[in-house]
Amino acid sequence: MAGLRVMLGALFLTVWGSNVDKGLYGADEYAALIRTYVEDGNAPGIWKDVMGVVADGASVFSKLQLVMELALGVLLTLGLLTRVAAVVAWAFLTALWISELGVPNEWTWSLVFPAMA
């Protein structure tokens, strides 16, 4: 279990680094990504409404995601607050999975397995 925890933490840290490199934590880039999920994906309508609110508040939500992904990566890798971090990671990955349903070039199962870990 510790190995899965560390690997999940490493996943969050590498995604965080990749998103920083791509500039996806900038408000405009973040909003554009979320709007792509709304327009191109098959998430339930109410979830698309939630994503619309997130895209509209991208200046805040993009920074929250930046901090959350970094914090989860560090906490899970180091084994600190593991249960809380694991529940938050599960909720975050599940929400992201729902958001990416049907989005072109996104594999449906890519977030299911990390969420199960």
PDB file of N, CA and C in Angstrom:
ATOM      1  N   MET A   1       0.821  -1.196   0.000  1.00  0.00           N
ATOM      2  CA  MET A   1       0.000   0.000   0.000  1.00  0.00           C
ATOM      3  C   MET A   1       0.862   1.256   0.000  1.00  0.00           C
ATOM      4  N   ALA A   2       1.982   1.183   0.708  1.00  0.00           N
ATOM      5  CA  ALA A   2       2.865   2.354   0.738  1.00  0.00           C
ATOM      6  C   ALA A   2       3.403   2.652  -0.656  1.00  0.00           C
ATOM      7  N   GLY A   3       3.691   1.610  -1.409  1.00  0.00           N
ATOM      8  CA  GLY A   3       4.177   1.805  -2.775  1.00  0.00           C
ATOM      9  C   GLY A   3       3.145   2.492  -3.655  1.00  0.00           C
ATOM     10  N   LEU A   4       1.881   2.085  -3.534  1.00  0.00           N
ATOM     11  CA  LEU A   4       0.813   2.736  -4.294  1.00  0.00           C
ATOM     12  C   LEU A   4       0.656   4.197  -3.882  1.00  0.00           C
ATOM     13  N   ARG A   5       0.769   4.459  -2.581  1.00  0.00           N
ATOM     14  CA  ARG A   5       0.669   5.823  -2.076  1.00  0.00           C
ATOM     15  C   ARG A   5       1.770   6.706  -2.649  1.00  0.00           C
ATOM     16  N   VAL A   6       2.993   6.207  -2.624  1.00  0.00           N
ATOM     17  CA  VAL A   6       4.127   6.970  -3.153  1.00  0.00           C
ATOM     18  C   VAL A   6       3.981   7.176  -4.658  1.00  0.00           C
ATOM     19  N   MET A   7       3.552   6.146  -5.366  1.00  0.00           N
ATOM     20  CA  MET A   7       3.363   6.284  -6.817  1.00  0.00           C
ATOM     21  C   MET A   7       2.269   7.298  -7.140  1.00  0.00           C
ATOM     22  N   LEU A   8       1.184   7.299  -6.371  1.00  0.00           N
ATOM     23  CA  LEU A   8       0.122   8.269  -6.590  1.00  0.00           C
ATOM     24  C   LEU A   8       0.623   9.684  -6.298  1.00  0.00           C
ATOM     25  N   GLY A   9       1.411   9.824  -5.241  1.00  0.00           N
ATOM     26  CA  GLY A   9       2.016  11.118  -4.942  1.00  0.00           C
ATOM     27  C   GLY A   9       2.927  11.583  -6.072  1.00  0.00           C
ATOM     28  N   ALA A  10       3.719  10.660  -6.606  1.00  0.00           N
ATOM     29  CA  ALA A  10       4.598  10.995  -7.732  1.00  0.00           C
ATOM     30  C   ALA A  10       3.784  11.384  -8.966  1.00  0.00           C
ATOM     31  N   LEU A  11       2.650  10.722  -9.171  1.00  0.00           N
ATOM     32  CA  LEU A  11       1.768  11.078 -10.288  1.00  0.00           C
ATOM     33  C   LEU A  11       1.301  12.522 -10.149  1.00  0.00           C
ATOM     34  N   PHE A  12       0.840  12.899  -8.955  1.00  0.00           N
ATOM     35  CA  PHE A  12       0.390  14.275  -8.741  1.00  0.00           C
ATOM     36  C   PHE A  12       1.530  15.265  -8.965  1.00  0.00           C
ATOM     37  N   LEU A  13       2.730  14.935  -8.502  1.00  0.00           N
ATOM     38  CA  LEU A  13       3.860  15.855  -8.670  1.00  0.00           C
ATOM     39  C   LEU A  13       4.265  16.000 -10.133  1.00  0.00           C
ATOM     40  N   THR A  14       4.246  14.903 -10.882  1.00  0.00           N
ATOM     41  CA  THR A  14       4.620  15.008 -12.298  1.00  0.00           C
ATOM     42  C   THR A  14       3.557  15.738 -13.107  1.00  0.00           C
ATOM     43  N   VAL A  15       2.284  15.518 -12.787  1.00  0.00           N
ATOM     44  CA  VAL A  15       1.207  16.252 -13.464  1.00  0.00           C
ATOM     45  C   VAL A  15       1.312  17.740 -13.119  1.00  0.00           C
ATOM     46  N   TRP A  16       1.582  18.041 -11.851  1.00  0.00           N
ATOM     47  CA  TRP A  16       1.743  19.426 -11.440  1.00  0.00           C
ATOM     48  C   TRP A  16       2.874  20.089 -12.236  1.00  0.00           C
ATOM     49  N   GLY A  17       4.022  19.416 -12.316  1.00  0.00           N
ATOM     50  CA  GLY A  17       5.148  19.969 -13.066  1.00  0.00           C
ATOM     51  C   GLY A  17       4.827  20.156 -14.540  1.00  0.00           C
ATOM     52  N   SER A  18       4.141  19.193 -15.122  1.00  0.00           N
ATOM     53  CA  SER A  18       3.749  19.285 -16.526  1.00  0.00           C
ATOM     54  C   SER A  18       2.790  20.451 -16.750  1.00  0.00           C
ATOM     55  N   ASN A  19       1.832  20.601 -15.854  1.00  0.00           N
ATOM     56  CA  ASN A  19       0.872  21.702 -15.980  1.00  0.00           C
ATOM     57  C   ASN A  19       1.545  23.056 -15.807  1.00  0.00           C
ATOM     58  N   VAL A  20       2.532  23.145 -14.916  1.00  0.00           N
ATOM     59  CA  VAL A  20       3.294  24.389 -14.766  1.00  0.00           C
ATOM     60  C   VAL A  20       4.020  24.699 -16.069  1.00  0.00           C
ATOM     61  N   ASP A  21       4.692  23.685 -16.638  1.00  0.00           N
ATOM     62  CA  ASP A  21       5.422  23.877 -17.896  1.00  0.00           C
ATOM     63  C   ASP A  21       4.515  24.306 -19.042  1.00  0.00           C
ATOM     64  N   LYS A  22       3.303  23.766 -19.069  1.00  0.00           N
ATOM     65  CA  LYS A  22       2.356  24.095 -20.139  1.00  0.00           C
ATOM     66  C   LYS A  22       1.614  25.407 -19.894  1.00  0.00           C
ATOM     67  N   GLY A  23       1.773  25.980 -18.714  1.00  0.00           N
ATOM     68  CA  GLY A  23       1.072  27.217 -18.381  1.00  0.00           C
ATOM     69  C   GLY A  23      -0.402  27.018 -18.085  1.00  0.00           C
ATOM     70  N   LEU A  24      -0.805  25.803 -17.727  1.00  0.00           N
ATOM     71  CA  LEU A  24      -2.227  25.518 -17.526  1.00  0.00           C
ATOM     72  C   LEU A  24      -2.797  26.061 -16.227  1.00  0.00           C
ATOM     73  N   TYR A  25      -1.951  26.620 -15.367  1.00  0.00           N
ATOM     74  CA  TYR A  25      -2.471  27.220 -14.145  1.00  0.00           C
ATOM     75  C   TYR A  25      -2.731  28.712 -14.305  1.00  0.00           C
ATOM     76  N   GLY A  26      -2.465  29.240 -15.492  1.00  0.00           N
ATOM     77  CA  GLY A  26      -2.860  30.612 -15.783  1.00  0.00           C
ATOM     78  C   GLY A  26      -4.361  30.657 -15.969  1.00  0.00           C
ATOM     79  N   ALA A  27      -4.987  31.752 -15.550  1.00  0.00           N
ATOM     80  CA  ALA A  27      -6.448  31.837 -15.571  1.00  0.00           C
ATOM     81  C   ALA A  27      -7.024  31.614 -16.966  1.00  0.00           C
ATOM     82  N   ASP A  28      -6.457  32.250 -17.978  1.00  0.00           N
ATOM     83  CA  ASP A  28      -7.001  32.126 -19.332  1.00  0.00           C
ATOM     84  C   ASP A  28      -6.842  30.711 -19.881  1.00  0.00           C
ATOM     85  N   GLU A  29      -5.664  30.121 -19.686  1.00  0.00           N
ATOM     86  CA  GLU A  29      -5.403  28.767 -20.181  1.00  0.00           C
ATOM     87  C   GLU A  29      -6.277  27.750 -19.446  1.00  0.00           C
ATOM     88  N   TYR A  30      -6.409  27.930 -18.149  1.00  0.00           N
ATOM     89  CA  TYR A  30      -7.230  27.030 -17.335  1.00  0.00           C
ATOM     90  C   TYR A  30      -8.691  27.093 -17.784  1.00  0.00           C
ATOM     91  N   ALA A  31      -9.208  28.313 -17.943  1.00  0.00           N
ATOM     92  CA  ALA A  31     -10.595  28.486 -18.376  1.00  0.00           C
ATOM     93  C   ALA A  31     -10.822  27.865 -19.749  1.00  0.00           C
ATOM     94  N   ALA A  32      -9.859  28.039 -20.651  1.00  0.00           N
ATOM     95  CA  ALA A  32      -9.995  27.465 -21.996  1.00  0.00           C
ATOM     96  C   ALA A  32     -10.042  25.947 -21.933  1.00  0.00           C
ATOM     97  N   LEU A  33      -9.215  25.338 -21.087  1.00  0.00           N
ATOM     98  CA  LEU A  33      -9.217  23.878 -20.943  1.00  0.00           C
ATOM     99  C   LEU A  33     -10.559  23.389 -20.407  1.00  0.00           C
ATOM    100  N   ILE A  34     -11.058  24.046 -19.371  1.00  0.00           N
ATOM    101  CA  ILE A  34     -12.332  23.643 -18.780  1.00  0.00           C
ATOM    102  C   ILE A  34     -13.462  23.809 -19.793  1.00  0.00           C
ATOM    103  N   ARG A  35     -13.447  24.877 -20.522  1.00  0.00           N
ATOM    104  CA  ARG A  35     -14.500  25.106 -21.537  1.00  0.00           C
ATOM    105  C   ARG A  35     -14.441  24.062 -22.647  1.00  0.00           C
ATOM    106  N   THR A  36     -13.227  23.579 -22.966  1.00  0.00           N
ATOM    107  CA  THR A  36     -13.095  22.494 -23.940  1.00  0.00           C
ATOM    108  C   THR A  36     -13.787  21.243 -23.426  1.00  0.00           C
ATOM    109  N   TYR A  37     -13.619  20.936 -22.136  1.00  0.00           N
ATOM    110  CA  TYR A  37     -14.295  19.780 -21.547  1.00  0.00           C
ATOM    111  C   TYR A  37     -15.813  19.950 -21.633  1.00  0.00           C
ATOM    112  N   VAL A  38     -16.290  21.159 -21.384  1.00  0.00           N
ATOM    113  CA  VAL A  38     -17.737  21.421 -21.432  1.00  0.00           C
ATOM    114  C   VAL A  38     -18.266  21.236 -22.855  1.00  0.00           C
ATOM    115  N   GLU A  39     -17.555  21.797 -23.818  1.00  0.00           N
ATOM    116  CA  GLU A  39     -18.023  21.780 -25.209  1.00  0.00           C
ATOM    117  C   GLU A  39     -17.873  20.427 -25.887  1.00  0.00           C
ATOM    118  N   ASP A  40     -16.767  19.731 -25.613  1.00  0.00           N
ATOM    119  CA  ASP A  40     -16.452  18.506 -26.347  1.00  0.00           C
ATOM    120  C   ASP A  40     -16.790  17.222 -25.598  1.00  0.00           C
ATOM    121  N   GLY A  41     -17.014  17.314 -24.299  1.00  0.00           N
ATOM    122  CA  GLY A  41     -17.197  16.110 -23.497  1.00  0.00           C
ATOM    123  C   GLY A  41     -18.636  15.669 -23.359  1.00  0.00           C
ATOM    124  N   ASN A  42     -18.795  14.523 -22.693  1.00  0.00           N
ATOM    125  CA  ASN A  42     -20.110  13.926 -22.477  1.00  0.00           C
ATOM    126  C   ASN A  42     -20.491  13.875 -21.001  1.00  0.00           C
ATOM    127  N   ALA A  43     -19.929  14.766 -20.209  1.00  0.00           N
ATOM    128  CA  ALA A  43     -20.281  14.795 -18.781  1.00  0.00           C
ATOM    129  C   ALA A  43     -21.764  15.133 -18.637  1.00  0.00           C
ATOM    130  N   PRO A  44     -22.381  14.715 -17.538  1.00  0.00           N
ATOM    131  CA  PRO A  44     -23.786  15.070 -17.310  1.00  0.00           C
ATOM    132  C   PRO A  44     -23.969  16.592 -17.318  1.00  0.00           C
ATOM    133  N   GLY A  45     -25.157  17.032 -17.735  1.00  0.00           N
ATOM    134  CA  GLY A  45     -25.444  18.454 -17.864  1.00  0.00           C
ATOM    135  C   GLY A  45     -25.180  19.260 -16.604  1.00  0.00           C
ATOM    136  N   ILE A  46     -25.581  18.725 -15.462  1.00  0.00           N
ATOM    137  CA  ILE A  46     -25.370  19.467 -14.210  1.00  0.00           C
ATOM    138  C   ILE A  46     -23.876  19.613 -13.925  1.00  0.00           C
ATOM    139  N   TRP A  47     -23.091  18.604 -14.300  1.00  0.00           N
ATOM    140  CA  TRP A  47     -21.646  18.676 -14.099  1.00  0.00           C
ATOM    141  C   TRP A  47     -21.033  19.708 -15.043  1.00  0.00           C
ATOM    142  N   LYS A  48     -21.571  19.808 -16.252  1.00  0.00           N
ATOM    143  CA  LYS A  48     -21.092  20.839 -17.179  1.00  0.00           C
ATOM    144  C   LYS A  48     -21.405  22.230 -16.629  1.00  0.00           C
ATOM    145  N   ASP A  49     -22.532  22.376 -15.937  1.00  0.00           N
ATOM    146  CA  ASP A  49     -22.854  23.649 -15.298  1.00  0.00           C
ATOM    147  C   ASP A  49     -21.822  23.992 -14.222  1.00  0.00           C
ATOM    148  N   VAL A  50     -21.438  22.986 -13.435  1.00  0.00           N
ATOM    149  CA  VAL A  50     -20.407  23.179 -12.407  1.00  0.00           C
ATOM    150  C   VAL A  50     -19.093  23.582 -13.070  1.00  0.00           C
ATOM    151  N   MET A  51     -18.722  22.893 -14.157  1.00  0.00           N
ATOM    152  CA  MET A  51     -17.482  23.236 -14.852  1.00  0.00           C
ATOM    153  C   MET A  51     -17.546  24.655 -15.408  1.00  0.00           C
ATOM    154  N   GLY A  52     -18.712  25.094 -15.844  1.00  0.00           N
ATOM    155  CA  GLY A  52     -18.861  26.462 -16.320  1.00  0.00           C
ATOM    156  C   GLY A  52     -18.572  27.470 -15.221  1.00  0.00           C
ATOM    157  N   VAL A  53     -19.051  27.192 -14.009  1.00  0.00           N
ATOM    158  CA  VAL A  53     -18.765  28.056 -12.861  1.00  0.00           C
ATOM    159  C   VAL A  53     -17.261  28.069 -12.583  1.00  0.00           C
ATOM    160  N   VAL A  54     -16.635  26.899 -12.665  1.00  0.00           N
ATOM    161  CA  VAL A  54     -15.188  26.816 -12.446  1.00  0.00           C
ATOM    162  C   VAL A  54     -14.443  27.615 -13.515  1.00  0.00           C
ATOM    163  N   ALA A  55     -14.850  27.490 -14.774  1.00  0.00           N
ATOM    164  CA  ALA A  55     -14.193  28.241 -15.851  1.00  0.00           C
ATOM    165  C   ALA A  55     -14.372  29.739 -15.645  1.00  0.00           C
ATOM    166  N   ASP A  56     -15.556  30.157 -15.216  1.00  0.00           N
ATOM    167  CA  ASP A  56     -15.800  31.580 -14.969  1.00  0.00           C
ATOM    168  C   ASP A  56     -14.952  32.109 -13.813  1.00  0.00           C
ATOM    169  N   GLY A  57     -14.663  31.262 -12.854  1.00  0.00           N
ATOM    170  CA  GLY A  57     -13.837  31.650 -11.703  1.00  0.00           C
ATOM    171  C   GLY A  57     -12.409  31.147 -11.826  1.00  0.00           C
ATOM    172  N   ALA A  58     -11.915  31.037 -13.041  1.00  0.00           N
ATOM    173  CA  ALA A  58     -10.595  30.444 -13.295  1.00  0.00           C
ATOM    174  C   ALA A  58      -9.460  31.148 -12.564  1.00  0.00           C
ATOM    175  N   SER A  59      -9.589  32.450 -12.327  1.00  0.00           N
ATOM    176  CA  SER A  59      -8.512  33.156 -11.631  1.00  0.00           C
ATOM    177  C   SER A  59      -8.303  32.600 -10.221  1.00  0.00           C
ATOM    178  N   VAL A  60      -9.359  32.103  -9.599  1.00  0.00           N
ATOM    179  CA  VAL A  60      -9.260  31.503  -8.267  1.00  0.00           C
ATOM    180  C   VAL A  60      -9.053  29.996  -8.368  1.00  0.00           C
ATOM    181  N   PHE A  61      -9.884  29.318  -9.169  1.00  0.00           N
ATOM    182  CA  PHE A  61      -9.831  27.860  -9.230  1.00  0.00           C
ATOM    183  C   PHE A  61      -8.515  27.329  -9.798  1.00  0.00           C
ATOM    184  N   SER A  62      -7.914  28.056 -10.723  1.00  0.00           N
ATOM    185  CA  SER A  62      -6.635  27.593 -11.275  1.00  0.00           C
ATOM    186  C   SER A  62      -5.559  27.575 -10.203  1.00  0.00           C
ATOM    187  N   LYS A  63      -5.562  28.572  -9.329  1.00  0.00           N
ATOM    188  CA  LYS A  63      -4.573  28.620  -8.240  1.00  0.00           C
ATOM    189  C   LYS A  63      -4.875  27.569  -7.175  1.00  0.00           C
ATOM    190  N   LEU A  64      -6.168  27.348  -6.910  1.00  0.00           N
ATOM    191  CA  LEU A  64      -6.526  26.293  -5.965  1.00  0.00           C
ATOM    192  C   LEU A  64      -6.066  24.930  -6.453  1.00  0.00           C
ATOM    193  N   GLN A  65      -6.237  24.675  -7.745  1.00  0.00           N
ATOM    194  CA  GLN A  65      -5.799  23.393  -8.287  1.00  0.00           C
ATOM    195  C   GLN A  65      -4.287  23.277  -8.247  1.00  0.00           C
ATOM    196  N   LEU A  66      -3.578  24.361  -8.537  1.00  0.00           N
ATOM    197  CA  LEU A  66      -2.120  24.355  -8.477  1.00  0.00           C
ATOM    198  C   LEU A  66      -1.652  23.948  -7.078  1.00  0.00           C
ATOM    199  N   VAL A  67      -2.209  24.588  -6.064  1.00  0.00           N
ATOM    200  CA  VAL A  67      -1.822  24.302  -4.681  1.00  0.00           C
ATOM    201  C   VAL A  67      -2.249  22.899  -4.277  1.00  0.00           C
ATOM    202  N   MET A  68      -3.465  22.501  -4.659  1.00  0.00           N
ATOM    203  CA  MET A  68      -3.970  21.192  -4.258  1.00  0.00           C
ATOM    204  C   MET A  68      -3.150  20.060  -4.862  1.00  0.00           C
ATOM    205  N   GLU A  69      -2.836  20.142  -6.153  1.00  0.00           N
ATOM    206  CA  GLU A  69      -2.060  19.072  -6.789  1.00  0.00           C
ATOM    207  C   GLU A  69      -0.664  18.979  -6.183  1.00  0.00           C
ATOM    208  N   LEU A  70      -0.035  20.118  -5.919  1.00  0.00           N
ATOM    209  CA  LEU A  70       1.280  20.098  -5.290  1.00  0.00           C
ATOM    210  C   LEU A  70       1.195  19.534  -3.880  1.00  0.00           C
ATOM    211  N   ALA A  71       0.218  19.991  -3.102  1.00  0.00           N
ATOM    212  CA  ALA A  71       0.069  19.517  -1.725  1.00  0.00           C
ATOM    213  C   ALA A  71      -0.215  18.015  -1.678  1.00  0.00           C
ATOM    214  N   LEU A  72      -1.124  17.539  -2.535  1.00  0.00           N
ATOM    215  CA  LEU A  72      -1.410  16.103  -2.550  1.00  0.00           C
ATOM    216  C   LEU A  72      -0.177  15.300  -2.926  1.00  0.00           C
ATOM    217  N   GLY A  73       0.570  15.773  -3.898  1.00  0.00           N
ATOM    218  CA  GLY A  73       1.783  15.072  -4.299  1.00  0.00           C
ATOM    219  C   GLY A  73       2.785  14.971  -3.160  1.00  0.00           C
ATOM    220  N   VAL A  74       3.004  16.070  -2.469  1.00  0.00           N
ATOM    221  CA  VAL A  74       3.960  16.078  -1.356  1.00  0.00           C
ATOM    222  C   VAL A  74       3.453  15.225  -0.202  1.00  0.00           C
ATOM    223  N   LEU A  75       2.196  15.420   0.185  1.00  0.00           N
ATOM    224  CA  LEU A  75       1.649  14.672   1.321  1.00  0.00           C
ATOM    225  C   LEU A  75       1.644  13.166   1.070  1.00  0.00           C
ATOM    226  N   LEU A  76       1.210  12.754  -0.110  1.00  0.00           N
ATOM    227  CA  LEU A  76       1.159  11.315  -0.395  1.00  0.00           C
ATOM    228  C   LEU A  76       2.558  10.720  -0.529  1.00  0.00           C
ATOM    229  N   THR A  77       3.465  11.440  -1.148  1.00  0.00           N
ATOM    230  CA  THR A  77       4.825  10.931  -1.311  1.00  0.00           C
ATOM    231  C   THR A  77       5.510  10.762   0.044  1.00  0.00           C
ATOM    232  N   LEU A  78       5.326  11.747   0.925  1.00  0.00           N
ATOM    233  CA  LEU A  78       5.980  11.697   2.233  1.00  0.00           C
ATOM    234  C   LEU A  78       5.192  10.914   3.279  1.00  0.00           C
ATOM    235  N   GLY A  79       3.948  10.588   2.989  1.00  0.00           N
ATOM    236  CA  GLY A  79       3.129   9.832   3.939  1.00  0.00           C
ATOM    237  C   GLY A  79       2.584  10.677   5.071  1.00  0.00           C
ATOM    238  N   LEU A  80       2.330  11.947   4.807  1.00  0.00           N
ATOM    239  CA  LEU A  80       1.785  12.846   5.815  1.00  0.00           C
ATOM    240  C   LEU A  80       0.283  13.035   5.572  1.00  0.00           C
ATOM    241  N   LEU A  81      -0.494  13.023   6.653  1.00  0.00           N
ATOM    242  CA  LEU A  81      -1.953  13.172   6.547  1.00  0.00           C
ATOM    243  C   LEU A  81      -2.513  12.252   5.461  1.00  0.00           C
ATOM    244  N   THR A  82      -2.041  11.049   5.445  1.00  0.00           N
ATOM    245  CA  THR A  82      -2.310  10.122   4.350  1.00  0.00           C
ATOM    246  C   THR A  82      -3.795   9.878   4.125  1.00  0.00           C
ATOM    247  N   ARG A  83      -4.547   9.641   5.163  1.00  0.00           N
ATOM    248  CA  ARG A  83      -5.972   9.336   4.968  1.00  0.00           C
ATOM    249  C   ARG A  83      -6.733  10.523   4.396  1.00  0.00           C
ATOM    250  N   VAL A  84      -6.471  11.691   4.924  1.00  0.00           N
ATOM    251  CA  VAL A  84      -7.134  12.898   4.415  1.00  0.00           C
ATOM    252  C   VAL A  84      -6.710  13.147   2.973  1.00  0.00           C
ATOM    253  N   ALA A  85      -5.406  13.066   2.710  1.00  0.00           N
ATOM    254  CA  ALA A  85      -4.901  13.292   1.349  1.00  0.00           C
ATOM    255  C   ALA A  85      -5.478  12.261   0.383  1.00  0.00           C
ATOM    256  N   ALA A  86      -5.617  11.020   0.822  1.00  0.00           N
ATOM    257  CA  ALA A  86      -6.147   9.970  -0.046  1.00  0.00           C
ATOM    258  C   ALA A  86      -7.614  10.230  -0.401  1.00  0.00           C
ATOM    259  N   VAL A  87      -8.401  10.671   0.559  1.00  0.00           N
ATOM    260  CA  VAL A  87      -9.815  10.968   0.290  1.00  0.00           C
ATOM    261  C   VAL A  87      -9.936  12.156  -0.653  1.00  0.00           C
ATOM    262  N   VAL A  88      -9.145  13.189  -0.421  1.00  0.00           N
ATOM    263  CA  VAL A  88      -9.167  14.364  -1.303  1.00  0.00           C
ATOM    264  C   VAL A  88      -8.710  13.970  -2.704  1.00  0.00           C
ATOM    265  N   ALA A  89      -7.650  13.161  -2.796  1.00  0.00           N
ATOM    266  CA  ALA A  89      -7.153  12.708  -4.103  1.00  0.00           C
ATOM    267  C   ALA A  89      -8.225  11.895  -4.828  1.00  0.00           C
ATOM    268  N   TRP A  90      -8.895  11.009  -4.126  1.00  0.00           N
ATOM    269  CA  TRP A  90      -9.972  10.214  -4.739  1.00  0.00           C
ATOM    270  C   TRP A  90     -11.076  11.122  -5.272  1.00  0.00           C
ATOM    271  N   ALA A  91     -11.512  12.081  -4.458  1.00  0.00           N
ATOM    272  CA  ALA A  91     -12.582  12.988  -4.883  1.00  0.00           C
ATOM    273  C   ALA A  91     -12.142  13.824  -6.088  1.00  0.00           C
ATOM    274  N   PHE A  92     -10.926  14.320  -6.052  1.00  0.00           N
ATOM    275  CA  PHE A  92     -10.406  15.129  -7.151  1.00  0.00           C
ATOM    276  C   PHE A  92     -10.313  14.307  -8.435  1.00  0.00           C
ATOM    277  N   LEU A  93      -9.741  13.116  -8.360  1.00  0.00           N
ATOM    278  CA  LEU A  93      -9.588  12.273  -9.551  1.00  0.00           C
ATOM    279  C   LEU A  93     -10.943  11.822 -10.093  1.00  0.00           C
ATOM    280  N   THR A  94     -11.887  11.551  -9.209  1.00  0.00           N
ATOM    281  CA  THR A  94     -13.227  11.169  -9.655  1.00  0.00           C
ATOM    282  C   THR A  94     -13.904  12.334 -10.371  1.00  0.00           C
ATOM    283  N   ALA A  95     -13.785  13.536  -9.815  1.00  0.00           N
ATOM    284  CA  ALA A  95     -14.357  14.725 -10.459  1.00  0.00           C
ATOM    285  C   ALA A  95     -13.700  14.971 -11.820  1.00  0.00           C
ATOM    286  N   LEU A  96     -12.401  14.805 -11.885  1.00  0.00           N
ATOM    287  CA  LEU A  96     -11.690  14.994 -13.153  1.00  0.00           C
ATOM    288  C   LEU A  96     -12.107  13.935 -14.166  1.00  0.00           C
ATOM    289  N   TRP A  97     -12.311  12.704 -13.703  1.00  0.00           N
ATOM    290  CA  TRP A  97     -12.761  11.628 -14.591  1.00  0.00           C
ATOM    291  C   TRP A  97     -14.119  11.972 -15.194  1.00  0.00           C
ATOM    292  N   ILE A  98     -15.041  12.431 -14.360  1.00  0.00           N
ATOM    293  CA  ILE A  98     -16.366  12.815 -14.865  1.00  0.00           C
ATOM    294  C   ILE A  98     -16.229  13.954 -15.874  1.00  0.00           C
ATOM    295  N   SER A  99     -15.360  14.911 -15.571  1.00  0.00           N
ATOM    296  CA  SER A  99     -15.155  16.063 -16.461  1.00  0.00           C
ATOM    297  C   SER A  99     -14.622  15.655 -17.817  1.00  0.00           C
ATOM    298  N   GLU A 100     -13.794  14.621 -17.873  1.00  0.00           N
ATOM    299  CA  GLU A 100     -13.146  14.211 -19.120  1.00  0.00           C
ATOM    300  C   GLU A 100     -13.926  13.172 -19.912  1.00  0.00           C
ATOM    301  N   LEU A 101     -15.080  12.748 -19.429  1.00  0.00           N
ATOM    302  CA  LEU A 101     -15.863  11.749 -20.154  1.00  0.00           C
ATOM    303  C   LEU A 101     -16.149  12.220 -21.577  1.00  0.00           C
ATOM    304  N   GLY A 102     -15.781  11.417 -22.538  1.00  0.00           N
ATOM    305  CA  GLY A 102     -16.073  11.696 -23.932  1.00  0.00           C
ATOM    306  C   GLY A 102     -15.227  12.774 -24.578  1.00  0.00           C
ATOM    307  N   VAL A 103     -14.270  13.349 -23.860  1.00  0.00           N
ATOM    308  CA  VAL A 103     -13.413  14.380 -24.440  1.00  0.00           C
ATOM    309  C   VAL A 103     -12.437  13.699 -25.409  1.00  0.00           C
ATOM    310  N   PRO A 104     -12.334  14.186 -26.645  1.00  0.00           N
ATOM    311  CA  PRO A 104     -11.413  13.580 -27.607  1.00  0.00           C
ATOM    312  C   PRO A 104      -9.976  13.552 -27.066  1.00  0.00           C
ATOM    313  N   ASN A 105      -9.281  12.485 -27.360  1.00  0.00           N
ATOM    314  CA  ASN A 105      -7.885  12.267 -26.953  1.00  0.00           C
ATOM    315  C   ASN A 105      -7.709  12.052 -25.451  1.00  0.00           C
ATOM    316  N   GLU A 106      -8.769  11.794 -24.738  1.00  0.00           N
ATOM    317  CA  GLU A 106      -8.689  11.438 -23.318  1.00  0.00           C
ATOM    318  C   GLU A 106      -9.195  10.018 -23.162  1.00  0.00           C
ATOM    319  N   TRP A 107      -8.392   9.155 -22.569  1.00  0.00           N
ATOM    320  CA  TRP A 107      -8.766   7.765 -22.372  1.00  0.00           C
ATOM    321  C   TRP A 107      -9.609   7.663 -21.109  1.00  0.00           C
ATOM    322  N   THR A 108     -10.802   7.131 -21.222  1.00  0.00           N
ATOM    323  CA  THR A 108     -11.764   7.081 -20.123  1.00  0.00           C
ATOM    324  C   THR A 108     -11.183   6.460 -18.856  1.00  0.00           C
ATOM    325  N   TRP A 109     -10.358   5.444 -18.993  1.00  0.00           N
ATOM    326  CA  TRP A 109      -9.870   4.701 -17.838  1.00  0.00           C
ATOM    327  C   TRP A 109      -8.604   5.286 -17.220  1.00  0.00           C
ATOM    328  N   SER A 110      -8.052   6.325 -17.802  1.00  0.00           N
ATOM    329  CA  SER A 110      -6.767   6.839 -17.315  1.00  0.00           C
ATOM    330  C   SER A 110      -6.847   7.383 -15.893  1.00  0.00           C
ATOM    331  N   LEU A 111      -8.000   7.799 -15.447  1.00  0.00           N
ATOM    332  CA  LEU A 111      -8.128   8.329 -14.078  1.00  0.00           C
ATOM    333  C   LEU A 111      -8.792   7.354 -13.117  1.00  0.00           C
ATOM    334  N   VAL A 112      -9.394   6.308 -13.626  1.00  0.00           N
ATOM    335  CA  VAL A 112     -10.066   5.337 -12.767  1.00  0.00           C
ATOM    336  C   VAL A 112      -9.047   4.582 -11.905  1.00  0.00           C
ATOM    337  N   PHE A 113      -7.989   4.114 -12.533  1.00  0.00           N
ATOM    338  CA  PHE A 113      -7.008   3.320 -11.789  1.00  0.00           C
ATOM    339  C   PHE A 113      -6.265   4.117 -10.724  1.00  0.00           C
ATOM    340  N   PRO A 114      -5.818   5.358 -10.998  1.00  0.00           N
ATOM    341  CA  PRO A 114      -5.232   6.145  -9.915  1.00  0.00           C
ATOM    342  C   PRO A 114      -6.227   6.431  -8.781  1.00  0.00           C
ATOM    343  N   ALA A 115      -7.490   6.675  -9.125  1.00  0.00           N
ATOM    344  CA  ALA A 115      -8.495   6.925  -8.088  1.00  0.00           C
ATOM    345  C   ALA A 115      -8.692   5.689  -7.224  1.00  0.00           C
ATOM    346  N   MET A 116      -8.621   4.512  -7.825  1.00  0.00           N
ATOM    347  CA  MET A 116      -8.762   3.273  -7.054  1.00  0.00           C
ATOM    348  C   MET A 116      -7.589   3.068  -6.108  1.00  0.00           C
ATOM    349  N   ALA A 117      -6.402   3.506  -6.513  1.00  0.00           N
ATOM    350  CA  ALA A 117      -5.229   3.364  -5.634  1.00  0.00           C
ATOM    351  C   ALA A 117      -5.432   4.159  -4.373  1.00  0.00           C
TER     352      ALA A 117
END
